[in-house]
Amino acid sequence: MAKSQPNAPTPTGAKLVEKVVKQGNEFGHSYEKYVLPSGLTLIVHEDHSDPLVHVDVTYHVGSAREEIGKSGFAHFYEHMMFAEVTTSEMTSTSKLLLPLVAH
């Protein structure tokens, strides 16, 4: 795969930090990686084989990413994600996740 790391800002202020283009029959996907002004990383992969859109959000928190003297953030984020939300206000996905994170 051809991989490049341009650093050109987009009109929205997002910076394109990596672009991977699949060559021929190589295994893998073409994608573009952006970093937004807020620090959020956005990975875009276009596949026009089906008329659908998929959005996935991943939070990089947990004990494997904690620094010495800074712990408990993963547990804190769990509570923040579900803070003051009644079961009727939750999305179906959140209702499925609640038993896994509620203590």
PDB file of N, CA and C in Angstrom:
ATOM      1  N   MET A   1       0.835  -1.175   0.000  1.00  0.00           N
ATOM      2  CA  MET A   1       0.000   0.000   0.000  1.00  0.00           C
ATOM      3  C   MET A   1       0.878   1.235   0.000  1.00  0.00           C
ATOM      4  N   ALA A   2       0.424   2.214  -0.726  1.00  0.00           N
ATOM      5  CA  ALA A   2       1.138   3.483  -0.745  1.00  0.00           C
ATOM      6  C   ALA A   2       0.690   4.297   0.454  1.00  0.00           C
ATOM      7  N   LYS A   3       1.639   4.772   1.239  1.00  0.00           N
ATOM      8  CA  LYS A   3       1.328   5.516   2.455  1.00  0.00           C
ATOM      9  C   LYS A   3       2.020   6.862   2.401  1.00  0.00           C
ATOM     10  N   SER A   4       1.263   7.917   2.666  1.00  0.00           N
ATOM     11  CA  SER A   4       1.870   9.247   2.708  1.00  0.00           C
ATOM     12  C   SER A   4       1.400   9.952   3.964  1.00  0.00           C
ATOM     13  N   GLN A   5       2.123  10.954   4.375  1.00  0.00           N
ATOM     14  CA  GLN A   5       1.762  11.704   5.573  1.00  0.00           C
ATOM     15  C   GLN A   5       1.766  13.200   5.294  1.00  0.00           C
ATOM     16  N   PRO A   6       0.783  13.657   4.512  1.00  0.00           N
ATOM     17  CA  PRO A   6       0.691  15.101   4.267  1.00  0.00           C
ATOM     18  C   PRO A   6       0.254  15.825   5.530  1.00  0.00           C
ATOM     19  N   ASN A   7       0.525  17.091   5.597  1.00  0.00           N
ATOM     20  CA  ASN A   7       0.158  17.877   6.767  1.00  0.00           C
ATOM     21  C   ASN A   7      -0.592  19.143   6.347  1.00  0.00           C
ATOM     22  N   ALA A   8      -1.382  19.028   5.298  1.00  0.00           N
ATOM     23  CA  ALA A   8      -2.118  20.184   4.787  1.00  0.00           C
ATOM     24  C   ALA A   8      -3.436  20.341   5.537  1.00  0.00           C
ATOM     25  N   PRO A   9      -3.689  21.523   6.126  1.00  0.00           N
ATOM     26  CA  PRO A   9      -4.963  21.729   6.817  1.00  0.00           C
ATOM     27  C   PRO A   9      -6.112  21.838   5.819  1.00  0.00           C
ATOM     28  N   THR A  10      -7.278  21.360   6.221  1.00  0.00           N
ATOM     29  CA  THR A  10      -8.485  21.473   5.406  1.00  0.00           C
ATOM     30  C   THR A  10      -9.195  22.774   5.757  1.00  0.00           C
ATOM     31  N   PRO A  11     -10.222  23.166   4.996  1.00  0.00           N
ATOM     32  CA  PRO A  11     -10.942  24.410   5.327  1.00  0.00           C
ATOM     33  C   PRO A  11     -11.550  24.404   6.730  1.00  0.00           C
ATOM     34  N   THR A  12     -11.849  23.214   7.283  1.00  0.00           N
ATOM     35  CA  THR A  12     -12.436  23.136   8.626  1.00  0.00           C
ATOM     36  C   THR A  12     -11.382  23.179   9.723  1.00  0.00           C
ATOM     37  N   GLY A  13     -10.112  23.199   9.357  1.00  0.00           N
ATOM     38  CA  GLY A  13      -9.041  23.216  10.344  1.00  0.00           C
ATOM     39  C   GLY A  13      -8.504  21.832  10.654  1.00  0.00           C
ATOM     40  N   ALA A  14      -9.155  20.782  10.118  1.00  0.00           N
ATOM     41  CA  ALA A  14      -8.657  19.425  10.321  1.00  0.00           C
ATOM     42  C   ALA A  14      -7.379  19.242   9.514  1.00  0.00           C
ATOM     43  N   LYS A  15      -6.433  18.499  10.071  1.00  0.00           N
ATOM     44  CA  LYS A  15      -5.182  18.241   9.360  1.00  0.00           C
ATOM     45  C   LYS A  15      -5.157  16.800   8.878  1.00  0.00           C
ATOM     46  N   LEU A  16      -4.888  16.625   7.594  1.00  0.00           N
ATOM     47  CA  LEU A  16      -4.708  15.291   7.035  1.00  0.00           C
ATOM     48  C   LEU A  16      -3.330  14.819   7.455  1.00  0.00           C
ATOM     49  N   VAL A  17      -3.267  13.774   8.286  1.00  0.00           N
ATOM     50  CA  VAL A  17      -1.987  13.317   8.811  1.00  0.00           C
ATOM     51  C   VAL A  17      -1.503  12.025   8.183  1.00  0.00           C
ATOM     52  N   GLU A  18      -2.406  11.303   7.512  1.00  0.00           N
ATOM     53  CA  GLU A  18      -1.990  10.062   6.875  1.00  0.00           C
ATOM     54  C   GLU A  18      -2.985   9.701   5.784  1.00  0.00           C
ATOM     55  N   LYS A  19      -2.474   9.220   4.662  1.00  0.00           N
ATOM     56  CA  LYS A  19      -3.329   8.770   3.566  1.00  0.00           C
ATOM     57  C   LYS A  19      -2.760   7.458   3.042  1.00  0.00           C
ATOM     58  N   VAL A  20      -3.582   6.410   3.064  1.00  0.00           N
ATOM     59  CA  VAL A  20      -3.172   5.095   2.601  1.00  0.00           C
ATOM     60  C   VAL A  20      -4.018   4.740   1.389  1.00  0.00           C
ATOM     61  N   VAL A  21      -3.363   4.394   0.293  1.00  0.00           N
ATOM     62  CA  VAL A  21      -4.056   4.044  -0.936  1.00  0.00           C
ATOM     63  C   VAL A  21      -3.722   2.602  -1.289  1.00  0.00           C
ATOM     64  N   LYS A  22      -4.771   1.778  -1.382  1.00  0.00           N
ATOM     65  CA  LYS A  22      -4.599   0.365  -1.734  1.00  0.00           C
ATOM     66  C   LYS A  22      -4.129   0.261  -3.173  1.00  0.00           C
ATOM     67  N   GLN A  23      -3.109  -0.543  -3.400  1.00  0.00           N
ATOM     68  CA  GLN A  23      -2.541  -0.733  -4.732  1.00  0.00           C
ATOM     69  C   GLN A  23      -2.934  -2.109  -5.267  1.00  0.00           C
ATOM     70  N   GLY A  24      -3.630  -2.162  -6.401  1.00  0.00           N
ATOM     71  CA  GLY A  24      -3.964  -3.427  -7.057  1.00  0.00           C
ATOM     72  C   GLY A  24      -4.705  -4.396  -6.168  1.00  0.00           C
ATOM     73  N   ASN A  25      -4.157  -5.612  -6.012  1.00  0.00           N
ATOM     74  CA  ASN A  25      -4.804  -6.674  -5.239  1.00  0.00           C
ATOM     75  C   ASN A  25      -4.299  -6.772  -3.808  1.00  0.00           C
ATOM     76  N   GLU A  26      -3.660  -5.742  -3.300  1.00  0.00           N
ATOM     77  CA  GLU A  26      -3.151  -5.762  -1.931  1.00  0.00           C
ATOM     78  C   GLU A  26      -4.285  -5.958  -0.931  1.00  0.00           C
ATOM     79  N   PHE A  27      -3.967  -6.604   0.174  1.00  0.00           N
ATOM     80  CA  PHE A  27      -4.931  -6.777   1.253  1.00  0.00           C
ATOM     81  C   PHE A  27      -4.980  -5.503   2.087  1.00  0.00           C
ATOM     82  N   GLY A  28      -6.158  -5.057   2.436  1.00  0.00           N
ATOM     83  CA  GLY A  28      -6.302  -3.879   3.275  1.00  0.00           C
ATOM     84  C   GLY A  28      -7.264  -2.887   2.672  1.00  0.00           C
ATOM     85  N   HIS A  29      -7.357  -1.724   3.278  1.00  0.00           N
ATOM     86  CA  HIS A  29      -8.285  -0.680   2.857  1.00  0.00           C
ATOM     87  C   HIS A  29      -7.561   0.637   2.646  1.00  0.00           C
ATOM     88  N   SER A  30      -8.044   1.407   1.703  1.00  0.00           N
ATOM     89  CA  SER A  30      -7.578   2.786   1.550  1.00  0.00           C
ATOM     90  C   SER A  30      -8.289   3.623   2.607  1.00  0.00           C
ATOM     91  N   TYR A  31      -7.587   4.594   3.170  1.00  0.00           N
ATOM     92  CA  TYR A  31      -8.226   5.481   4.146  1.00  0.00           C
ATOM     93  C   TYR A  31      -7.425   6.765   4.267  1.00  0.00           C
ATOM     94  N   GLU A  32      -8.072   7.757   4.876  1.00  0.00           N
ATOM     95  CA  GLU A  32      -7.421   9.021   5.215  1.00  0.00           C
ATOM     96  C   GLU A  32      -7.610   9.246   6.708  1.00  0.00           C
ATOM     97  N   LYS A  33      -6.545   9.702   7.375  1.00  0.00           N
ATOM     98  CA  LYS A  33      -6.610   9.984   8.810  1.00  0.00           C
ATOM     99  C   LYS A  33      -6.432  11.476   9.020  1.00  0.00           C
ATOM    100  N   TYR A  34      -7.357  12.085   9.747  1.00  0.00           N
ATOM    101  CA  TYR A  34      -7.341  13.512  10.045  1.00  0.00           C
ATOM    102  C   TYR A  34      -7.269  13.717  11.546  1.00  0.00           C
ATOM    103  N   VAL A  35      -6.720  14.829  11.979  1.00  0.00           N
ATOM    104  CA  VAL A  35      -6.790  15.260  13.372  1.00  0.00           C
ATOM    105  C   VAL A  35      -7.513  16.596  13.376  1.00  0.00           C
ATOM    106  N   LEU A  36      -8.637  16.642  14.099  1.00  0.00           N
ATOM    107  CA  LEU A  36      -9.444  17.862  14.186  1.00  0.00           C
ATOM    108  C   LEU A  36      -8.827  18.833  15.193  1.00  0.00           C
ATOM    109  N   PRO A  37      -9.187  20.111  15.125  1.00  0.00           N
ATOM    110  CA  PRO A  37      -8.641  21.098  16.073  1.00  0.00           C
ATOM    111  C   PRO A  37      -8.870  20.710  17.540  1.00  0.00           C
ATOM    112  N   SER A  38      -9.939  19.939  17.812  1.00  0.00           N
ATOM    113  CA  SER A  38     -10.236  19.515  19.184  1.00  0.00           C
ATOM    114  C   SER A  38      -9.327  18.389  19.650  1.00  0.00           C
ATOM    115  N   GLY A  39      -8.516  17.813  18.732  1.00  0.00           N
ATOM    116  CA  GLY A  39      -7.651  16.695  19.074  1.00  0.00           C
ATOM    117  C   GLY A  39      -8.250  15.349  18.684  1.00  0.00           C
ATOM    118  N   LEU A  40      -9.513  15.341  18.283  1.00  0.00           N
ATOM    119  CA  LEU A  40     -10.183  14.118  17.861  1.00  0.00           C
ATOM    120  C   LEU A  40      -9.553  13.586  16.588  1.00  0.00           C
ATOM    121  N   THR A  41      -9.292  12.289  16.538  1.00  0.00           N
ATOM    122  CA  THR A  41      -8.758  11.647  15.342  1.00  0.00           C
ATOM    123  C   THR A  41      -9.925  11.083  14.541  1.00  0.00           C
ATOM    124  N   LEU A  42      -9.938  11.353  13.260  1.00  0.00           N
ATOM    125  CA  LEU A  42     -11.014  10.919  12.370  1.00  0.00           C
ATOM    126  C   LEU A  42     -10.391  10.078  11.261  1.00  0.00           C
ATOM    127  N   ILE A  43     -10.883   8.857  11.100  1.00  0.00           N
ATOM    128  CA  ILE A  43     -10.415   7.984  10.028  1.00  0.00           C
ATOM    129  C   ILE A  43     -11.559   7.813   9.045  1.00  0.00           C
ATOM    130  N   VAL A  44     -11.301   8.116   7.777  1.00  0.00           N
ATOM    131  CA  VAL A  44     -12.339   8.065   6.749  1.00  0.00           C
ATOM    132  C   VAL A  44     -11.961   6.997   5.726  1.00  0.00           C
ATOM    133  N   HIS A  45     -12.890   6.072   5.515  1.00  0.00           N
ATOM    134  CA  HIS A  45     -12.740   5.036   4.488  1.00  0.00           C
ATOM    135  C   HIS A  45     -14.016   5.048   3.664  1.00  0.00           C
ATOM    136  N   GLU A  46     -13.901   5.267   2.377  1.00  0.00           N
ATOM    137  CA  GLU A  46     -15.072   5.272   1.503  1.00  0.00           C
ATOM    138  C   GLU A  46     -15.202   3.926   0.810  1.00  0.00           C
ATOM    139  N   ASP A  47     -16.410   3.373   0.858  1.00  0.00           N
ATOM    140  CA  ASP A  47     -16.730   2.122   0.181  1.00  0.00           C
ATOM    141  C   ASP A  47     -18.099   2.311  -0.437  1.00  0.00           C
ATOM    142  N   HIS A  48     -18.164   2.406  -1.727  1.00  0.00           N
ATOM    143  CA  HIS A  48     -19.414   2.695  -2.422  1.00  0.00           C
ATOM    144  C   HIS A  48     -20.148   1.437  -2.876  1.00  0.00           C
ATOM    145  N   SER A  49     -19.781   0.263  -2.324  1.00  0.00           N
ATOM    146  CA  SER A  49     -20.422  -0.981  -2.735  1.00  0.00           C
ATOM    147  C   SER A  49     -21.839  -1.130  -2.180  1.00  0.00           C
ATOM    148  N   ASP A  50     -22.158  -0.466  -1.074  1.00  0.00           N
ATOM    149  CA  ASP A  50     -23.501  -0.484  -0.493  1.00  0.00           C
ATOM    150  C   ASP A  50     -23.896   0.932  -0.116  1.00  0.00           C
ATOM    151  N   PRO A  51     -25.199   1.255  -0.203  1.00  0.00           N
ATOM    152  CA  PRO A  51     -25.651   2.609   0.155  1.00  0.00           C
ATOM    153  C   PRO A  51     -25.879   2.750   1.663  1.00  0.00           C
ATOM    154  N   LEU A  52     -24.803   2.740   2.442  1.00  0.00           N
ATOM    155  CA  LEU A  52     -24.934   2.895   3.883  1.00  0.00           C
ATOM    156  C   LEU A  52     -23.763   3.669   4.450  1.00  0.00           C
ATOM    157  N   VAL A  53     -23.968   4.115   5.687  1.00  0.00           N
ATOM    158  CA  VAL A  53     -22.928   4.852   6.404  1.00  0.00           C
ATOM    159  C   VAL A  53     -22.734   4.157   7.749  1.00  0.00           C
ATOM    160  N   HIS A  54     -21.491   4.022   8.173  1.00  0.00           N
ATOM    161  CA  HIS A  54     -21.185   3.437   9.474  1.00  0.00           C
ATOM    162  C   HIS A  54     -20.345   4.435  10.262  1.00  0.00           C
ATOM    163  N   VAL A  55     -20.726   4.648  11.500  1.00  0.00           N
ATOM    164  CA  VAL A  55     -19.960   5.527  12.393  1.00  0.00           C
ATOM    165  C   VAL A  55     -19.573   4.712  13.617  1.00  0.00           C
ATOM    166  N   ASP A  56     -18.319   4.786  13.992  1.00  0.00           N
ATOM    167  CA  ASP A  56     -17.824   4.055  15.142  1.00  0.00           C
ATOM    168  C   ASP A  56     -17.036   5.034  16.006  1.00  0.00           C
ATOM    169  N   VAL A  57     -17.303   5.026  17.302  1.00  0.00           N
ATOM    170  CA  VAL A  57     -16.579   5.896  18.225  1.00  0.00           C
ATOM    171  C   VAL A  57     -15.787   5.017  19.182  1.00  0.00           C
ATOM    172  N   THR A  58     -14.498   5.270  19.283  1.00  0.00           N
ATOM    173  CA  THR A  58     -13.632   4.527  20.185  1.00  0.00           C
ATOM    174  C   THR A  58     -12.986   5.494  21.162  1.00  0.00           C
ATOM    175  N   TYR A  59     -13.091   5.205  22.442  1.00  0.00           N
ATOM    176  CA  TYR A  59     -12.465   6.028  23.468  1.00  0.00           C
ATOM    177  C   TYR A  59     -11.184   5.336  23.901  1.00  0.00           C
ATOM    178  N   HIS A  60     -10.066   5.992  23.744  1.00  0.00           N
ATOM    179  CA  HIS A  60      -8.774   5.417  24.148  1.00  0.00           C
ATOM    180  C   HIS A  60      -8.514   5.756  25.609  1.00  0.00           C
ATOM    181  N   VAL A  61      -9.210   5.033  26.485  1.00  0.00           N
ATOM    182  CA  VAL A  61      -9.006   5.190  27.925  1.00  0.00           C
ATOM    183  C   VAL A  61      -8.877   3.804  28.528  1.00  0.00           C
ATOM    184  N   GLY A  62      -8.327   3.720  29.675  1.00  0.00           N
ATOM    185  CA  GLY A  62      -8.195   2.441  30.353  1.00  0.00           C
ATOM    186  C   GLY A  62      -6.867   2.340  31.064  1.00  0.00           C
ATOM    187  N   SER A  63      -6.742   1.319  31.869  1.00  0.00           N
ATOM    188  CA  SER A  63      -5.546   1.193  32.692  1.00  0.00           C
ATOM    189  C   SER A  63      -4.276   1.062  31.859  1.00  0.00           C
ATOM    190  N   ALA A  64      -4.375   0.509  30.651  1.00  0.00           N
ATOM    191  CA  ALA A  64      -3.184   0.367  29.801  1.00  0.00           C
ATOM    192  C   ALA A  64      -2.658   1.713  29.326  1.00  0.00           C
ATOM    193  N   ARG A  65      -3.499   2.737  29.362  1.00  0.00           N
ATOM    194  CA  ARG A  65      -3.091   4.063  28.880  1.00  0.00           C
ATOM    195  C   ARG A  65      -2.896   5.064  30.020  1.00  0.00           C
ATOM    196  N   GLU A  66      -2.998   4.611  31.252  1.00  0.00           N
ATOM    197  CA  GLU A  66      -2.850   5.520  32.387  1.00  0.00           C
ATOM    198  C   GLU A  66      -1.382   5.744  32.713  1.00  0.00           C
ATOM    199  N   GLU A  67      -1.099   6.934  33.217  1.00  0.00           N
ATOM    200  CA  GLU A  67       0.248   7.289  33.638  1.00  0.00           C
ATOM    201  C   GLU A  67       0.347   7.146  35.156  1.00  0.00           C
ATOM    202  N   ILE A  68       1.550   6.999  35.649  1.00  0.00           N
ATOM    203  CA  ILE A  68       1.762   6.914  37.090  1.00  0.00           C
ATOM    204  C   ILE A  68       1.233   8.189  37.739  1.00  0.00           C
ATOM    205  N   GLY A  69       0.407   8.021  38.747  1.00  0.00           N
ATOM    206  CA  GLY A  69      -0.168   9.164  39.449  1.00  0.00           C
ATOM    207  C   GLY A  69      -1.462   9.663  38.830  1.00  0.00           C
ATOM    208  N   LYS A  70      -1.840   9.127  37.696  1.00  0.00           N
ATOM    209  CA  LYS A  70      -3.090   9.503  37.039  1.00  0.00           C
ATOM    210  C   LYS A  70      -3.849   8.222  36.713  1.00  0.00           C
ATOM    211  N   SER A  71      -4.709   7.804  37.616  1.00  0.00           N
ATOM    212  CA  SER A  71      -5.452   6.564  37.402  1.00  0.00           C
ATOM    213  C   SER A  71      -6.935   6.785  37.664  1.00  0.00           C
ATOM    214  N   GLY A  72      -7.739   5.843  37.200  1.00  0.00           N
ATOM    215  CA  GLY A  72      -9.179   5.915  37.427  1.00  0.00           C
ATOM    216  C   GLY A  72      -9.959   6.649  36.357  1.00  0.00           C
ATOM    217  N   PHE A  73      -9.286   7.110  35.302  1.00  0.00           N
ATOM    218  CA  PHE A  73      -9.991   7.887  34.276  1.00  0.00           C
ATOM    219  C   PHE A  73     -10.984   7.044  33.491  1.00  0.00           C
ATOM    220  N   ALA A  74     -10.683   5.782  33.221  1.00  0.00           N
ATOM    221  CA  ALA A  74     -11.601   4.922  32.476  1.00  0.00           C
ATOM    222  C   ALA A  74     -12.910   4.788  33.237  1.00  0.00           C
ATOM    223  N   HIS A  75     -12.811   4.561  34.537  1.00  0.00           N
ATOM    224  CA  HIS A  75     -14.012   4.443  35.357  1.00  0.00           C
ATOM    225  C   HIS A  75     -14.784   5.766  35.380  1.00  0.00           C
ATOM    226  N   PHE A  76     -14.067   6.861  35.469  1.00  0.00           N
ATOM    227  CA  PHE A  76     -14.687   8.188  35.439  1.00  0.00           C
ATOM    228  C   PHE A  76     -15.449   8.401  34.126  1.00  0.00           C
ATOM    229  N   TYR A  77     -14.825   8.043  32.981  1.00  0.00           N
ATOM    230  CA  TYR A  77     -15.476   8.218  31.681  1.00  0.00           C
ATOM    231  C   TYR A  77     -16.728   7.356  31.552  1.00  0.00           C
ATOM    232  N   GLU A  78     -16.704   6.160  32.136  1.00  0.00           N
ATOM    233  CA  GLU A  78     -17.912   5.317  32.125  1.00  0.00           C
ATOM    234  C   GLU A  78     -19.071   6.070  32.759  1.00  0.00           C
ATOM    235  N   HIS A  79     -18.808   6.667  33.908  1.00  0.00           N
ATOM    236  CA  HIS A  79     -19.869   7.389  34.610  1.00  0.00           C
ATOM    237  C   HIS A  79     -20.302   8.638  33.842  1.00  0.00           C
ATOM    238  N   MET A  80     -19.365   9.316  33.223  1.00  0.00           N
ATOM    239  CA  MET A  80     -19.703  10.521  32.464  1.00  0.00           C
ATOM    240  C   MET A  80     -20.560  10.188  31.239  1.00  0.00           C
ATOM    241  N   MET A  81     -20.305   9.044  30.612  1.00  0.00           N
ATOM    242  CA  MET A  81     -21.074   8.660  29.430  1.00  0.00           C
ATOM    243  C   MET A  81     -22.539   8.422  29.770  1.00  0.00           C
ATOM    244  N   PHE A  82     -22.814   7.970  30.995  1.00  0.00           N
ATOM    245  CA  PHE A  82     -24.181   7.642  31.380  1.00  0.00           C
ATOM    246  C   PHE A  82     -24.715   8.566  32.480  1.00  0.00           C
ATOM    247  N   ALA A  83     -24.051   9.668  32.736  1.00  0.00           N
ATOM    248  CA  ALA A  83     -24.453  10.577  33.814  1.00  0.00           C
ATOM    249  C   ALA A  83     -25.833  11.166  33.547  1.00  0.00           C
ATOM    250  N   GLU A  84     -26.688  11.087  34.552  1.00  0.00           N
ATOM    251  CA  GLU A  84     -28.009  11.701  34.523  1.00  0.00           C
ATOM    252  C   GLU A  84     -28.832  11.335  33.294  1.00  0.00           C
ATOM    253  N   VAL A  85     -28.693  10.120  32.834  1.00  0.00           N
ATOM    254  CA  VAL A  85     -29.474   9.652  31.689  1.00  0.00           C
ATOM    255  C   VAL A  85     -30.409   8.569  32.194  1.00  0.00           C
ATOM    256  N   THR A  86     -31.715   8.769  31.980  1.00  0.00           N
ATOM    257  CA  THR A  86     -32.665   7.733  32.357  1.00  0.00           C
ATOM    258  C   THR A  86     -32.690   6.675  31.268  1.00  0.00           C
ATOM    259  N   THR A  87     -33.153   5.499  31.612  1.00  0.00           N
ATOM    260  CA  THR A  87     -33.197   4.398  30.655  1.00  0.00           C
ATOM    261  C   THR A  87     -34.041   4.754  29.437  1.00  0.00           C
ATOM    262  N   SER A  88     -35.106   5.532  29.611  1.00  0.00           N
ATOM    263  CA  SER A  88     -35.965   5.891  28.476  1.00  0.00           C
ATOM    264  C   SER A  88     -35.266   6.841  27.505  1.00  0.00           C
ATOM    265  N   GLU A  89     -34.258   7.589  27.969  1.00  0.00           N
ATOM    266  CA  GLU A  89     -33.529   8.525  27.107  1.00  0.00           C
ATOM    267  C   GLU A  89     -32.376   7.860  26.360  1.00  0.00           C
ATOM    268  N   MET A  90     -32.009   6.669  26.761  1.00  0.00           N
ATOM    269  CA  MET A  90     -30.856   6.003  26.158  1.00  0.00           C
ATOM    270  C   MET A  90     -31.177   5.464  24.773  1.00  0.00           C
ATOM    271  N   THR A  91     -30.158   5.407  23.949  1.00  0.00           N
ATOM    272  CA  THR A  91     -30.299   4.758  22.654  1.00  0.00           C
ATOM    273  C   THR A  91     -30.304   3.250  22.885  1.00  0.00           C
ATOM    274  N   SER A  92     -30.707   2.493  21.904  1.00  0.00           N
ATOM    275  CA  SER A  92     -30.734   1.038  22.063  1.00  0.00           C
ATOM    276  C   SER A  92     -29.333   0.500  22.338  1.00  0.00           C
ATOM    277  N   THR A  93     -28.315   1.109  21.732  1.00  0.00           N
ATOM    278  CA  THR A  93     -26.939   0.675  21.966  1.00  0.00           C
ATOM    279  C   THR A  93     -26.550   0.908  23.419  1.00  0.00           C
ATOM    280  N   SER A  94     -26.887   2.074  23.952  1.00  0.00           N
ATOM    281  CA  SER A  94     -26.562   2.384  25.344  1.00  0.00           C
ATOM    282  C   SER A  94     -27.262   1.426  26.297  1.00  0.00           C
ATOM    283  N   LYS A  95     -28.503   1.033  25.972  1.00  0.00           N
ATOM    284  CA  LYS A  95     -29.224   0.085  26.825  1.00  0.00           C
ATOM    285  C   LYS A  95     -28.530  -1.267  26.848  1.00  0.00           C
ATOM    286  N   LEU A  96     -27.927  -1.651  25.722  1.00  0.00           N
ATOM    287  CA  LEU A  96     -27.188  -2.905  25.678  1.00  0.00           C
ATOM    288  C   LEU A  96     -25.898  -2.809  26.489  1.00  0.00           C
ATOM    289  N   LEU A  97     -25.261  -1.630  26.487  1.00  0.00           N
ATOM    290  CA  LEU A  97     -23.991  -1.446  27.184  1.00  0.00           C
ATOM    291  C   LEU A  97     -24.160  -1.244  28.679  1.00  0.00           C
ATOM    292  N   LEU A  98     -25.302  -0.733  29.117  1.00  0.00           N
ATOM    293  CA  LEU A  98     -25.498  -0.386  30.524  1.00  0.00           C
ATOM    294  C   LEU A  98     -25.188  -1.520  31.481  1.00  0.00           C
ATOM    295  N   PRO A  99     -25.676  -2.748  31.243  1.00  0.00           N
ATOM    296  CA  PRO A  99     -25.341  -3.815  32.188  1.00  0.00           C
ATOM    297  C   PRO A  99     -23.839  -4.115  32.263  1.00  0.00           C
ATOM    298  N   LEU A 100     -23.108  -3.800  31.214  1.00  0.00           N
ATOM    299  CA  LEU A 100     -21.679  -4.081  31.204  1.00  0.00           C
ATOM    300  C   LEU A 100     -20.878  -3.069  32.009  1.00  0.00           C
ATOM    301  N   VAL A 101     -21.369  -1.819  32.111  1.00  0.00           N
ATOM    302  CA  VAL A 101     -20.593  -0.773  32.769  1.00  0.00           C
ATOM    303  C   VAL A 101     -21.183  -0.288  34.079  1.00  0.00           C
ATOM    304  N   ALA A 102     -22.470  -0.576  34.323  1.00  0.00           N
ATOM    305  CA  ALA A 102     -23.107  -0.098  35.558  1.00  0.00           C
ATOM    306  C   ALA A 102     -22.615  -0.913  36.743  1.00  0.00           C
ATOM    307  N   HIS A 103     -22.352  -0.219  37.845  1.00  0.00           N
ATOM    308  CA  HIS A 103     -21.862  -0.916  39.057  1.00  0.00           C
ATOM    309  C   HIS A 103     -22.832  -0.708  40.165  1.00  0.00           C
TER     310      HIS A 103
END
